[in-house]
Amino acid sequence: MKYLLVALISILLALMGQIVWRYRLREVSLDLDEILSMKMLTVIFDPLIVLGIVFYAISTVLWFIALSHEELSKIYPLISINFALVALLGYVLLHEHIGLIRALGIALIVVGVIMVART
C-alpha cells in the first residue's frame, strides 16, 4: 500500500510538471523547425520550464521506487487518472475548455481506473 502512495505522488508530480509547462508555454509559440534554435534554448532554461523538469525528475525517481515493489499492471493504470486531473486543473487554473464529449471520455477513464484498482 505504501508504494501505491509513492506511485500516486509520482503521478501528481508529473501532473504539476505539465501544468507548469503549459502555464509558461501559453506565452511562447514553438514550431518544429525551431528545435535547434536559440529560442528553444531560451525556453528550456526558463525557470518555470526548469521547475517542470525538476518535477518530472523527482516523479521518475519515485516511479522507479514504486515499480520496484508493485506490479506494473497494478500501478500503471493509475497514470490514467492524470487525464481527469489535467483536465480539471487546465479548466480551473488555465481556463481551458472541456466539452461534453471530453468530459464523458474522462469520466469513463476514471471509472476504468477505479475498476482496475479494485482488482
PDB file of N, CA and C in Angstrom:
ATOM      1  N   MET A   1       0.827  -1.203   0.000  1.00  0.00           N
ATOM      2  CA  MET A   1       0.000   0.000   0.000  1.00  0.00           C
ATOM      3  C   MET A   1       0.868   1.263   0.000  1.00  0.00           C
ATOM      4  N   LYS A   2       1.955   1.216   0.735  1.00  0.00           N
ATOM      5  CA  LYS A   2       2.842   2.375   0.832  1.00  0.00           C
ATOM      6  C   LYS A   2       3.383   2.752  -0.550  1.00  0.00           C
ATOM      7  N   TYR A   3       3.660   1.743  -1.391  1.00  0.00           N
ATOM      8  CA  TYR A   3       4.235   2.026  -2.701  1.00  0.00           C
ATOM      9  C   TYR A   3       3.180   2.483  -3.711  1.00  0.00           C
ATOM     10  N   LEU A   4       1.922   2.190  -3.432  1.00  0.00           N
ATOM     11  CA  LEU A   4       0.849   2.781  -4.243  1.00  0.00           C
ATOM     12  C   LEU A   4       0.800   4.286  -3.993  1.00  0.00           C
ATOM     13  N   LEU A   5       1.011   4.677  -2.755  1.00  0.00           N
ATOM     14  CA  LEU A   5       1.064   6.111  -2.419  1.00  0.00           C
ATOM     15  C   LEU A   5       2.262   6.777  -3.094  1.00  0.00           C
ATOM     16  N   VAL A   6       3.385   6.094  -3.111  1.00  0.00           N
ATOM     17  CA  VAL A   6       4.577   6.611  -3.806  1.00  0.00           C
ATOM     18  C   VAL A   6       4.250   6.798  -5.290  1.00  0.00           C
ATOM     19  N   ALA A   7       3.559   5.824  -5.886  1.00  0.00           N
ATOM     20  CA  ALA A   7       3.170   5.929  -7.294  1.00  0.00           C
ATOM     21  C   ALA A   7       2.243   7.124  -7.505  1.00  0.00           C
ATOM     22  N   LEU A   8       1.297   7.321  -6.610  1.00  0.00           N
ATOM     23  CA  LEU A   8       0.372   8.460  -6.741  1.00  0.00           C
ATOM     24  C   LEU A   8       1.103   9.793  -6.617  1.00  0.00           C
ATOM     25  N   ILE A   9       2.052   9.880  -5.717  1.00  0.00           N
ATOM     26  CA  ILE A   9       2.844  11.110  -5.586  1.00  0.00           C
ATOM     27  C   ILE A   9       3.636  11.350  -6.869  1.00  0.00           C
ATOM     28  N   SER A  10       4.190  10.288  -7.414  1.00  0.00           N
ATOM     29  CA  SER A  10       4.919  10.391  -8.684  1.00  0.00           C
ATOM     30  C   SER A  10       4.008  10.946  -9.780  1.00  0.00           C
ATOM     31  N   ILE A  11       2.813  10.411  -9.851  1.00  0.00           N
ATOM     32  CA  ILE A  11       1.849  10.835 -10.865  1.00  0.00           C
ATOM     33  C   ILE A  11       1.468  12.304 -10.664  1.00  0.00           C
ATOM     34  N   LEU A  12       1.269  12.711  -9.426  1.00  0.00           N
ATOM     35  CA  LEU A  12       0.916  14.105  -9.149  1.00  0.00           C
ATOM     36  C   LEU A  12       2.056  15.067  -9.493  1.00  0.00           C
ATOM     37  N   LEU A  13       3.287  14.644  -9.261  1.00  0.00           N
ATOM     38  CA  LEU A  13       4.433  15.488  -9.632  1.00  0.00           C
ATOM     39  C   LEU A  13       4.523  15.651 -11.149  1.00  0.00           C
ATOM     40  N   ALA A  14       4.266  14.583 -11.875  1.00  0.00           N
ATOM     41  CA  ALA A  14       4.250  14.676 -13.341  1.00  0.00           C
ATOM     42  C   ALA A  14       3.135  15.623 -13.790  1.00  0.00           C
ATOM     43  N   LEU A  15       2.008  15.541 -13.138  1.00  0.00           N
ATOM     44  CA  LEU A  15       0.894  16.451 -13.427  1.00  0.00           C
ATOM     45  C   LEU A  15       1.305  17.900 -13.176  1.00  0.00           C
ATOM     46  N   MET A  16       1.962  18.145 -12.066  1.00  0.00           N
ATOM     47  CA  MET A  16       2.413  19.505 -11.758  1.00  0.00           C
ATOM     48  C   MET A  16       3.391  20.006 -12.815  1.00  0.00           C
ATOM     49  N   GLY A  17       4.260  19.118 -13.286  1.00  0.00           N
ATOM     50  CA  GLY A  17       5.186  19.497 -14.351  1.00  0.00           C
ATOM     51  C   GLY A  17       4.447  19.928 -15.602  1.00  0.00           C
ATOM     52  N   GLN A  18       3.423  19.183 -15.987  1.00  0.00           N
ATOM     53  CA  GLN A  18       2.641  19.532 -17.175  1.00  0.00           C
ATOM     54  C   GLN A  18       1.923  20.872 -17.008  1.00  0.00           C
ATOM     55  N   ILE A  19       1.350  21.092 -15.848  1.00  0.00           N
ATOM     56  CA  ILE A  19       0.623  22.347 -15.605  1.00  0.00           C
ATOM     57  C   ILE A  19       1.581  23.537 -15.655  1.00  0.00           C
ATOM     58  N   VAL A  20       2.739  23.404 -15.026  1.00  0.00           N
ATOM     59  CA  VAL A  20       3.735  24.493 -15.040  1.00  0.00           C
ATOM     60  C   VAL A  20       4.192  24.761 -16.470  1.00  0.00           C
ATOM     61  N   TRP A  21       4.472  23.687 -17.220  1.00  0.00           N
ATOM     62  CA  TRP A  21       4.909  23.866 -18.610  1.00  0.00           C
ATOM     63  C   TRP A  21       3.842  24.557 -19.433  1.00  0.00           C
ATOM     64  N   ARG A  22       2.603  24.110 -19.319  1.00  0.00           N
ATOM     65  CA  ARG A  22       1.523  24.707 -20.118  1.00  0.00           C
ATOM     66  C   ARG A  22       1.337  26.178 -19.739  1.00  0.00           C
ATOM     67  N   TYR A  23       1.399  26.467 -18.439  1.00  0.00           N
ATOM     68  CA  TYR A  23       1.261  27.852 -17.983  1.00  0.00           C
ATOM     69  C   TYR A  23       2.309  28.735 -18.652  1.00  0.00           C
ATOM     70  N   ARG A  24       3.543  28.278 -18.644  1.00  0.00           N
ATOM     71  CA  ARG A  24       4.629  29.065 -19.241  1.00  0.00           C
ATOM     72  C   ARG A  24       4.542  29.114 -20.759  1.00  0.00           C
ATOM     73  N   LEU A  25       4.213  27.989 -21.380  1.00  0.00           N
ATOM     74  CA  LEU A  25       4.252  27.907 -22.837  1.00  0.00           C
ATOM     75  C   LEU A  25       3.037  28.540 -23.510  1.00  0.00           C
ATOM     76  N   ARG A  26       2.064  28.979 -22.725  1.00  0.00           N
ATOM     77  CA  ARG A  26       0.950  29.732 -23.323  1.00  0.00           C
ATOM     78  C   ARG A  26       1.453  31.031 -23.938  1.00  0.00           C
ATOM     79  N   GLU A  27       2.568  31.533 -23.417  1.00  0.00           N
ATOM     80  CA  GLU A  27       3.116  32.801 -23.887  1.00  0.00           C
ATOM     81  C   GLU A  27       4.151  32.622 -24.994  1.00  0.00           C
ATOM     82  N   VAL A  28       4.475  31.375 -25.315  1.00  0.00           N
ATOM     83  CA  VAL A  28       5.523  31.086 -26.298  1.00  0.00           C
ATOM     84  C   VAL A  28       4.961  30.136 -27.345  1.00  0.00           C
ATOM     85  N   SER A  29       5.216  30.442 -28.588  1.00  0.00           N
ATOM     86  CA  SER A  29       4.802  29.541 -29.659  1.00  0.00           C
ATOM     87  C   SER A  29       6.051  28.894 -30.246  1.00  0.00           C
ATOM     88  N   LEU A  30       6.108  27.572 -30.168  1.00  0.00           N
ATOM     89  CA  LEU A  30       7.258  26.841 -30.693  1.00  0.00           C
ATOM     90  C   LEU A  30       6.835  26.012 -31.895  1.00  0.00           C
ATOM     91  N   ASP A  31       7.690  25.962 -32.896  1.00  0.00           N
ATOM     92  CA  ASP A  31       7.436  25.161 -34.090  1.00  0.00           C
ATOM     93  C   ASP A  31       8.543  24.123 -34.241  1.00  0.00           C
ATOM     94  N   LEU A  32       8.265  23.094 -35.020  1.00  0.00           N
ATOM     95  CA  LEU A  32       9.236  22.020 -35.214  1.00  0.00           C
ATOM     96  C   LEU A  32      10.555  22.511 -35.790  1.00  0.00           C
ATOM     97  N   ASP A  33      10.504  23.509 -36.651  1.00  0.00           N
ATOM     98  CA  ASP A  33      11.746  23.985 -37.255  1.00  0.00           C
ATOM     99  C   ASP A  33      12.605  24.802 -36.278  1.00  0.00           C
ATOM    100  N   GLU A  34      12.118  24.989 -35.053  1.00  0.00           N
ATOM    101  CA  GLU A  34      12.870  25.736 -34.046  1.00  0.00           C
ATOM    102  C   GLU A  34      13.530  24.836 -33.003  1.00  0.00           C
ATOM    103  N   ILE A  35      13.539  23.536 -33.254  1.00  0.00           N
ATOM    104  CA  ILE A  35      14.059  22.592 -32.265  1.00  0.00           C
ATOM    105  C   ILE A  35      15.500  22.914 -31.882  1.00  0.00           C
ATOM    106  N   LEU A  36      16.326  23.278 -32.827  1.00  0.00           N
ATOM    107  CA  LEU A  36      17.733  23.555 -32.550  1.00  0.00           C
ATOM    108  C   LEU A  36      18.044  25.051 -32.531  1.00  0.00           C
ATOM    109  N   SER A  37      17.064  25.850 -32.197  1.00  0.00           N
ATOM    110  CA  SER A  37      17.253  27.298 -32.244  1.00  0.00           C
ATOM    111  C   SER A  37      17.581  27.876 -30.871  1.00  0.00           C
ATOM    112  N   MET A  38      18.009  29.120 -30.877  1.00  0.00           N
ATOM    113  CA  MET A  38      18.252  29.843 -29.630  1.00  0.00           C
ATOM    114  C   MET A  38      16.948  30.032 -28.870  1.00  0.00           C
ATOM    115  N   LYS A  39      15.861  30.201 -29.602  1.00  0.00           N
ATOM    116  CA  LYS A  39      14.555  30.357 -28.950  1.00  0.00           C
ATOM    117  C   LYS A  39      14.246  29.129 -28.094  1.00  0.00           C
ATOM    118  N   MET A  40      14.530  27.946 -28.635  1.00  0.00           N
ATOM    119  CA  MET A  40      14.285  26.710 -27.886  1.00  0.00           C
ATOM    120  C   MET A  40      15.170  26.643 -26.648  1.00  0.00           C
ATOM    121  N   LEU A  41      16.426  27.034 -26.790  1.00  0.00           N
ATOM    122  CA  LEU A  41      17.324  27.038 -25.633  1.00  0.00           C
ATOM    123  C   LEU A  41      16.836  28.007 -24.563  1.00  0.00           C
ATOM    124  N   THR A  42      16.351  29.158 -24.994  1.00  0.00           N
ATOM    125  CA  THR A  42      15.807  30.132 -24.053  1.00  0.00           C
ATOM    126  C   THR A  42      14.627  29.540 -23.300  1.00  0.00           C
ATOM    127  N   VAL A  43      13.763  28.833 -24.014  1.00  0.00           N
ATOM    128  CA  VAL A  43      12.598  28.212 -23.384  1.00  0.00           C
ATOM    129  C   VAL A  43      13.038  27.120 -22.410  1.00  0.00           C
ATOM    130  N   ILE A  44      13.949  26.275 -22.832  1.00  0.00           N
ATOM    131  CA  ILE A  44      14.387  25.156 -21.989  1.00  0.00           C
ATOM    132  C   ILE A  44      14.977  25.635 -20.670  1.00  0.00           C
ATOM    133  N   PHE A  45      15.663  26.773 -20.683  1.00  0.00           N
ATOM    134  CA  PHE A  45      16.294  27.272 -19.469  1.00  0.00           C
ATOM    135  C   PHE A  45      15.446  28.300 -18.719  1.00  0.00           C
ATOM    136  N   ASP A  46      14.213  28.488 -19.153  1.00  0.00           N
ATOM    137  CA  ASP A  46      13.276  29.343 -18.423  1.00  0.00           C
ATOM    138  C   ASP A  46      13.032  28.724 -17.039  1.00  0.00           C
ATOM    139  N   PRO A  47      13.010  29.528 -15.990  1.00  0.00           N
ATOM    140  CA  PRO A  47      12.846  28.971 -14.630  1.00  0.00           C
ATOM    141  C   PRO A  47      11.606  28.086 -14.455  1.00  0.00           C
ATOM    142  N   LEU A  48      10.485  28.454 -15.027  1.00  0.00           N
ATOM    143  CA  LEU A  48       9.287  27.613 -14.883  1.00  0.00           C
ATOM    144  C   LEU A  48       9.417  26.295 -15.643  1.00  0.00           C
ATOM    145  N   ILE A  49      10.057  26.338 -16.788  1.00  0.00           N
ATOM    146  CA  ILE A  49      10.290  25.100 -17.547  1.00  0.00           C
ATOM    147  C   ILE A  49      11.233  24.201 -16.759  1.00  0.00           C
ATOM    148  N   VAL A  50      12.277  24.779 -16.188  1.00  0.00           N
ATOM    149  CA  VAL A  50      13.217  24.003 -15.364  1.00  0.00           C
ATOM    150  C   VAL A  50      12.482  23.400 -14.162  1.00  0.00           C
ATOM    151  N   LEU A  51      11.593  24.172 -13.545  1.00  0.00           N
ATOM    152  CA  LEU A  51      10.804  23.655 -12.423  1.00  0.00           C
ATOM    153  C   LEU A  51       9.993  22.431 -12.854  1.00  0.00           C
ATOM    154  N   GLY A  52       9.381  22.505 -14.027  1.00  0.00           N
ATOM    155  CA  GLY A  52       8.644  21.361 -14.552  1.00  0.00           C
ATOM    156  C   GLY A  52       9.541  20.156 -14.770  1.00  0.00           C
ATOM    157  N   ILE A  53      10.752  20.394 -15.242  1.00  0.00           N
ATOM    158  CA  ILE A  53      11.722  19.310 -15.444  1.00  0.00           C
ATOM    159  C   ILE A  53      12.092  18.682 -14.094  1.00  0.00           C
ATOM    160  N   VAL A  54      12.262  19.513 -13.080  1.00  0.00           N
ATOM    161  CA  VAL A  54      12.573  19.000 -11.738  1.00  0.00           C
ATOM    162  C   VAL A  54      11.412  18.142 -11.228  1.00  0.00           C
ATOM    163  N   PHE A  55      10.173  18.622 -11.406  1.00  0.00           N
ATOM    164  CA  PHE A  55       9.016  17.819 -11.012  1.00  0.00           C
ATOM    165  C   PHE A  55       9.053  16.455 -11.700  1.00  0.00           C
ATOM    166  N   TYR A  56       9.347  16.448 -12.990  1.00  0.00           N
ATOM    167  CA  TYR A  56       9.405  15.193 -13.749  1.00  0.00           C
ATOM    168  C   TYR A  56      10.548  14.303 -13.269  1.00  0.00           C
ATOM    169  N   ALA A  57      11.685  14.879 -12.949  1.00  0.00           N
ATOM    170  CA  ALA A  57      12.817  14.078 -12.476  1.00  0.00           C
ATOM    171  C   ALA A  57      12.481  13.393 -11.147  1.00  0.00           C
ATOM    172  N   ILE A  58      11.909  14.148 -10.223  1.00  0.00           N
ATOM    173  CA  ILE A  58      11.516  13.564  -8.933  1.00  0.00           C
ATOM    174  C   ILE A  58      10.433  12.516  -9.153  1.00  0.00           C
ATOM    175  N   SER A  59       9.495  12.825 -10.025  1.00  0.00           N
ATOM    176  CA  SER A  59       8.429  11.880 -10.365  1.00  0.00           C
ATOM    177  C   SER A  59       9.013  10.566 -10.875  1.00  0.00           C
ATOM    178  N   THR A  60      10.004  10.660 -11.737  1.00  0.00           N
ATOM    179  CA  THR A  60      10.625   9.462 -12.315  1.00  0.00           C
ATOM    180  C   THR A  60      11.306   8.617 -11.244  1.00  0.00           C
ATOM    181  N   VAL A  61      12.027   9.246 -10.337  1.00  0.00           N
ATOM    182  CA  VAL A  61      12.701   8.513  -9.260  1.00  0.00           C
ATOM    183  C   VAL A  61      11.664   7.810  -8.382  1.00  0.00           C
ATOM    184  N   LEU A  62      10.602   8.512  -8.030  1.00  0.00           N
ATOM    185  CA  LEU A  62       9.553   7.892  -7.214  1.00  0.00           C
ATOM    186  C   LEU A  62       8.867   6.752  -7.957  1.00  0.00           C
ATOM    187  N   TRP A  63       8.685   6.930  -9.272  1.00  0.00           N
ATOM    188  CA  TRP A  63       8.070   5.868 -10.079  1.00  0.00           C
ATOM    189  C   TRP A  63       8.956   4.619 -10.074  1.00  0.00           C
ATOM    190  N   PHE A  64      10.264   4.809 -10.187  1.00  0.00           N
ATOM    191  CA  PHE A  64      11.192   3.677 -10.127  1.00  0.00           C
ATOM    192  C   PHE A  64      11.027   2.920  -8.802  1.00  0.00           C
ATOM    193  N   ILE A  65      10.918   3.670  -7.718  1.00  0.00           N
ATOM    194  CA  ILE A  65      10.764   3.047  -6.393  1.00  0.00           C
ATOM    195  C   ILE A  65       9.465   2.249  -6.340  1.00  0.00           C
ATOM    196  N   ALA A  66       8.369   2.868  -6.779  1.00  0.00           N
ATOM    197  CA  ALA A  66       7.075   2.177  -6.762  1.00  0.00           C
ATOM    198  C   ALA A  66       7.107   0.945  -7.650  1.00  0.00           C
ATOM    199  N   LEU A  67       7.697   1.086  -8.816  1.00  0.00           N
ATOM    200  CA  LEU A  67       7.743  -0.004  -9.784  1.00  0.00           C
ATOM    201  C   LEU A  67       8.595  -1.179  -9.289  1.00  0.00           C
ATOM    202  N   SER A  68       9.562  -0.897  -8.452  1.00  0.00           N
ATOM    203  CA  SER A  68      10.393  -1.981  -7.931  1.00  0.00           C
ATOM    204  C   SER A  68       9.669  -2.797  -6.857  1.00  0.00           C
ATOM    205  N   HIS A  69       8.504  -2.307  -6.395  1.00  0.00           N
ATOM    206  CA  HIS A  69       7.765  -3.006  -5.334  1.00  0.00           C
ATOM    207  C   HIS A  69       6.359  -3.443  -5.735  1.00  0.00           C
ATOM    208  N   GLU A  70       5.808  -2.874  -6.768  1.00  0.00           N
ATOM    209  CA  GLU A  70       4.434  -3.186  -7.171  1.00  0.00           C
ATOM    210  C   GLU A  70       4.409  -3.719  -8.593  1.00  0.00           C
ATOM    211  N   GLU A  71       3.348  -4.443  -8.914  1.00  0.00           N
ATOM    212  CA  GLU A  71       3.173  -4.947 -10.267  1.00  0.00           C
ATOM    213  C   GLU A  71       2.856  -3.797 -11.214  1.00  0.00           C
ATOM    214  N   LEU A  72       3.477  -3.818 -12.377  1.00  0.00           N
ATOM    215  CA  LEU A  72       3.237  -2.782 -13.380  1.00  0.00           C
ATOM    216  C   LEU A  72       1.755  -2.722 -13.746  1.00  0.00           C
ATOM    217  N   SER A  73       1.138  -3.883 -13.885  1.00  0.00           N
ATOM    218  CA  SER A  73      -0.280  -3.916 -14.272  1.00  0.00           C
ATOM    219  C   SER A  73      -1.187  -3.340 -13.192  1.00  0.00           C
ATOM    220  N   LYS A  74      -0.679  -3.213 -11.980  1.00  0.00           N
ATOM    221  CA  LYS A  74      -1.469  -2.631 -10.891  1.00  0.00           C
ATOM    222  C   LYS A  74      -1.297  -1.120 -10.800  1.00  0.00           C
ATOM    223  N   ILE A  75      -0.068  -0.637 -10.972  1.00  0.00           N
ATOM    224  CA  ILE A  75       0.149   0.804 -10.771  1.00  0.00           C
ATOM    225  C   ILE A  75       0.055   1.625 -12.055  1.00  0.00           C
ATOM    226  N   TYR A  76       0.351   1.020 -13.194  1.00  0.00           N
ATOM    227  CA  TYR A  76       0.346   1.812 -14.429  1.00  0.00           C
ATOM    228  C   TYR A  76      -1.022   2.415 -14.740  1.00  0.00           C
ATOM    229  N   PRO A  77      -2.120   1.695 -14.533  1.00  0.00           N
ATOM    230  CA  PRO A  77      -3.425   2.323 -14.794  1.00  0.00           C
ATOM    231  C   PRO A  77      -3.681   3.586 -13.970  1.00  0.00           C
ATOM    232  N   LEU A  78      -2.998   3.735 -12.848  1.00  0.00           N
ATOM    233  CA  LEU A  78      -3.167   4.945 -12.040  1.00  0.00           C
ATOM    234  C   LEU A  78      -2.769   6.198 -12.814  1.00  0.00           C
ATOM    235  N   ILE A  79      -1.855   6.040 -13.765  1.00  0.00           N
ATOM    236  CA  ILE A  79      -1.436   7.181 -14.576  1.00  0.00           C
ATOM    237  C   ILE A  79      -2.641   7.777 -15.321  1.00  0.00           C
ATOM    238  N   SER A  80      -3.589   6.939 -15.643  1.00  0.00           N
ATOM    239  CA  SER A  80      -4.763   7.404 -16.382  1.00  0.00           C
ATOM    240  C   SER A  80      -5.560   8.455 -15.619  1.00  0.00           C
ATOM    241  N   ILE A  81      -5.441   8.455 -14.299  1.00  0.00           N
ATOM    242  CA  ILE A  81      -6.165   9.445 -13.506  1.00  0.00           C
ATOM    243  C   ILE A  81      -5.690  10.855 -13.849  1.00  0.00           C
ATOM    244  N   ASN A  82      -4.474  10.951 -14.410  1.00  0.00           N
ATOM    245  CA  ASN A  82      -3.967  12.262 -14.819  1.00  0.00           C
ATOM    246  C   ASN A  82      -4.840  12.905 -15.899  1.00  0.00           C
ATOM    247  N   PHE A  83      -5.493  12.095 -16.734  1.00  0.00           N
ATOM    248  CA  PHE A  83      -6.391  12.676 -17.737  1.00  0.00           C
ATOM    249  C   PHE A  83      -7.439  13.544 -17.059  1.00  0.00           C
ATOM    250  N   ALA A  84      -8.013  13.025 -16.001  1.00  0.00           N
ATOM    251  CA  ALA A  84      -9.044  13.778 -15.275  1.00  0.00           C
ATOM    252  C   ALA A  84      -8.447  14.977 -14.550  1.00  0.00           C
ATOM    253  N   LEU A  85      -7.322  14.756 -13.892  1.00  0.00           N
ATOM    254  CA  LEU A  85      -6.714  15.846 -13.121  1.00  0.00           C
ATOM    255  C   LEU A  85      -6.183  16.957 -14.015  1.00  0.00           C
ATOM    256  N   VAL A  86      -5.583  16.588 -15.135  1.00  0.00           N
ATOM    257  CA  VAL A  86      -5.089  17.597 -16.078  1.00  0.00           C
ATOM    258  C   VAL A  86      -6.250  18.421 -16.617  1.00  0.00           C
ATOM    259  N   ALA A  87      -7.321  17.761 -16.980  1.00  0.00           N
ATOM    260  CA  ALA A  87      -8.488  18.480 -17.497  1.00  0.00           C
ATOM    261  C   ALA A  87      -9.057  19.422 -16.432  1.00  0.00           C
ATOM    262  N   LEU A  88      -9.184  18.926 -15.212  1.00  0.00           N
ATOM    263  CA  LEU A  88      -9.731  19.743 -14.128  1.00  0.00           C
ATOM    264  C   LEU A  88      -8.838  20.948 -13.840  1.00  0.00           C
ATOM    265  N   LEU A  89      -7.532  20.709 -13.696  1.00  0.00           N
ATOM    266  CA  LEU A  89      -6.624  21.822 -13.417  1.00  0.00           C
ATOM    267  C   LEU A  89      -6.475  22.748 -14.621  1.00  0.00           C
ATOM    268  N   GLY A  90      -6.515  22.185 -15.813  1.00  0.00           N
ATOM    269  CA  GLY A  90      -6.486  23.022 -17.011  1.00  0.00           C
ATOM    270  C   GLY A  90      -7.684  23.958 -17.053  1.00  0.00           C
ATOM    271  N   TYR A  91      -8.823  23.446 -16.662  1.00  0.00           N
ATOM    272  CA  TYR A  91     -10.051  24.247 -16.631  1.00  0.00           C
ATOM    273  C   TYR A  91      -9.972  25.325 -15.538  1.00  0.00           C
ATOM    274  N   VAL A  92      -9.567  24.913 -14.330  1.00  0.00           N
ATOM    275  CA  VAL A  92      -9.563  25.825 -13.182  1.00  0.00           C
ATOM    276  C   VAL A  92      -8.429  26.845 -13.256  1.00  0.00           C
ATOM    277  N   LEU A  93      -7.219  26.373 -13.534  1.00  0.00           N
ATOM    278  CA  LEU A  93      -6.054  27.256 -13.474  1.00  0.00           C
ATOM    279  C   LEU A  93      -5.725  27.949 -14.790  1.00  0.00           C
ATOM    280  N   LEU A  94      -5.987  27.255 -15.904  1.00  0.00           N
ATOM    281  CA  LEU A  94      -5.572  27.783 -17.204  1.00  0.00           C
ATOM    282  C   LEU A  94      -6.751  28.227 -18.073  1.00  0.00           C
ATOM    283  N   HIS A  95      -7.959  28.053 -17.534  1.00  0.00           N
ATOM    284  CA  HIS A  95      -9.190  28.460 -18.225  1.00  0.00           C
ATOM    285  C   HIS A  95      -9.356  27.768 -19.577  1.00  0.00           C
ATOM    286  N   GLU A  96      -8.970  26.485 -19.624  1.00  0.00           N
ATOM    287  CA  GLU A  96      -9.125  25.700 -20.842  1.00  0.00           C
ATOM    288  C   GLU A  96     -10.542  25.139 -20.900  1.00  0.00           C
ATOM    289  N   HIS A  97     -11.026  24.933 -22.112  1.00  0.00           N
ATOM    290  CA  HIS A  97     -12.394  24.452 -22.331  1.00  0.00           C
ATOM    291  C   HIS A  97     -12.451  22.922 -22.238  1.00  0.00           C
ATOM    292  N   ILE A  98     -13.485  22.419 -21.564  1.00  0.00           N
ATOM    293  CA  ILE A  98     -13.762  20.977 -21.537  1.00  0.00           C
ATOM    294  C   ILE A  98     -15.164  20.784 -22.087  1.00  0.00           C
ATOM    295  N   GLY A  99     -15.249  20.188 -23.271  1.00  0.00           N
ATOM    296  CA  GLY A  99     -16.546  19.936 -23.870  1.00  0.00           C
ATOM    297  C   GLY A  99     -17.211  18.707 -23.274  1.00  0.00           C
ATOM    298  N   LEU A 100     -18.454  18.494 -23.647  1.00  0.00           N
ATOM    299  CA  LEU A 100     -19.234  17.380 -23.122  1.00  0.00           C
ATOM    300  C   LEU A 100     -18.603  16.032 -23.481  1.00  0.00           C
ATOM    301  N   ILE A 101     -18.216  15.858 -24.725  1.00  0.00           N
ATOM    302  CA  ILE A 101     -17.637  14.586 -25.156  1.00  0.00           C
ATOM    303  C   ILE A 101     -16.333  14.306 -24.402  1.00  0.00           C
ATOM    304  N   ARG A 102     -15.510  15.313 -24.240  1.00  0.00           N
ATOM    305  CA  ARG A 102     -14.257  15.135 -23.499  1.00  0.00           C
ATOM    306  C   ARG A 102     -14.548  14.792 -22.034  1.00  0.00           C
ATOM    307  N   ALA A 103     -15.521  15.474 -21.444  1.00  0.00           N
ATOM    308  CA  ALA A 103     -15.882  15.200 -20.053  1.00  0.00           C
ATOM    309  C   ALA A 103     -16.386  13.769 -19.889  1.00  0.00           C
ATOM    310  N   LEU A 104     -17.181  13.303 -20.829  1.00  0.00           N
ATOM    311  CA  LEU A 104     -17.674  11.921 -20.761  1.00  0.00           C
ATOM    312  C   LEU A 104     -16.526  10.923 -20.918  1.00  0.00           C
ATOM    313  N   GLY A 105     -15.615  11.194 -21.830  1.00  0.00           N
ATOM    314  CA  GLY A 105     -14.453  10.324 -22.006  1.00  0.00           C
ATOM    315  C   GLY A 105     -13.606  10.258 -20.750  1.00  0.00           C
ATOM    316  N   ILE A 106     -13.405  11.398 -20.111  1.00  0.00           N
ATOM    317  CA  ILE A 106     -12.628  11.449 -18.872  1.00  0.00           C
ATOM    318  C   ILE A 106     -13.337  10.654 -17.777  1.00  0.00           C
ATOM    319  N   ALA A 107     -14.653  10.781 -17.716  1.00  0.00           N
ATOM    320  CA  ALA A 107     -15.429  10.029 -16.722  1.00  0.00           C
ATOM    321  C   ALA A 107     -15.264   8.521 -16.943  1.00  0.00           C
ATOM    322  N   LEU A 108     -15.280   8.087 -18.190  1.00  0.00           N
ATOM    323  CA  LEU A 108     -15.078   6.664 -18.487  1.00  0.00           C
ATOM    324  C   LEU A 108     -13.695   6.196 -18.044  1.00  0.00           C
ATOM    325  N   ILE A 109     -12.696   7.034 -18.254  1.00  0.00           N
ATOM    326  CA  ILE A 109     -11.338   6.700 -17.831  1.00  0.00           C
ATOM    327  C   ILE A 109     -11.290   6.542 -16.313  1.00  0.00           C
ATOM    328  N   VAL A 110     -11.899   7.465 -15.594  1.00  0.00           N
ATOM    329  CA  VAL A 110     -11.895   7.400 -14.130  1.00  0.00           C
ATOM    330  C   VAL A 110     -12.596   6.127 -13.646  1.00  0.00           C
ATOM    331  N   VAL A 111     -13.732   5.788 -14.252  1.00  0.00           N
ATOM    332  CA  VAL A 111     -14.434   4.554 -13.884  1.00  0.00           C
ATOM    333  C   VAL A 111     -13.535   3.354 -14.152  1.00  0.00           C
ATOM    334  N   GLY A 112     -12.842   3.344 -15.272  1.00  0.00           N
ATOM    335  CA  GLY A 112     -11.928   2.247 -15.587  1.00  0.00           C
ATOM    336  C   GLY A 112     -10.810   2.122 -14.571  1.00  0.00           C
ATOM    337  N   VAL A 113     -10.255   3.241 -14.157  1.00  0.00           N
ATOM    338  CA  VAL A 113      -9.176   3.222 -13.160  1.00  0.00           C
ATOM    339  C   VAL A 113      -9.704   2.653 -11.837  1.00  0.00           C
ATOM    340  N   ILE A 114     -10.887   3.062 -11.455  1.00  0.00           N
ATOM    341  CA  ILE A 114     -11.477   2.543 -10.213  1.00  0.00           C
ATOM    342  C   ILE A 114     -11.670   1.032 -10.316  1.00  0.00           C
ATOM    343  N   MET A 115     -12.146   0.569 -11.461  1.00  0.00           N
ATOM    344  CA  MET A 115     -12.351  -0.872 -11.643  1.00  0.00           C
ATOM    345  C   MET A 115     -11.034  -1.635 -11.568  1.00  0.00           C
ATOM    346  N   VAL A 116      -9.995  -1.123 -12.186  1.00  0.00           N
ATOM    347  CA  VAL A 116      -8.687  -1.793 -12.155  1.00  0.00           C
ATOM    348  C   VAL A 116      -8.115  -1.770 -10.735  1.00  0.00           C
ATOM    349  N   ALA A 117      -8.285  -0.650 -10.041  1.00  0.00           N
ATOM    350  CA  ALA A 117      -7.732  -0.520  -8.690  1.00  0.00           C
ATOM    351  C   ALA A 117      -8.375  -1.503  -7.712  1.00  0.00           C
ATOM    352  N   ARG A 118      -9.604  -1.888  -7.979  1.00  0.00           N
ATOM    353  CA  ARG A 118     -10.316  -2.815  -7.077  1.00  0.00           C
ATOM    354  C   ARG A 118      -9.945  -4.271  -7.301  1.00  0.00           C
ATOM    355  N   THR A 119      -9.183  -4.558  -8.343  1.00  0.00           N
ATOM    356  CA  THR A 119      -8.835  -5.958  -8.613  1.00  0.00           C
ATOM    357  C   THR A 119      -7.571  -6.367  -7.898  1.00  0.00           C
TER     358      THR A 119
END
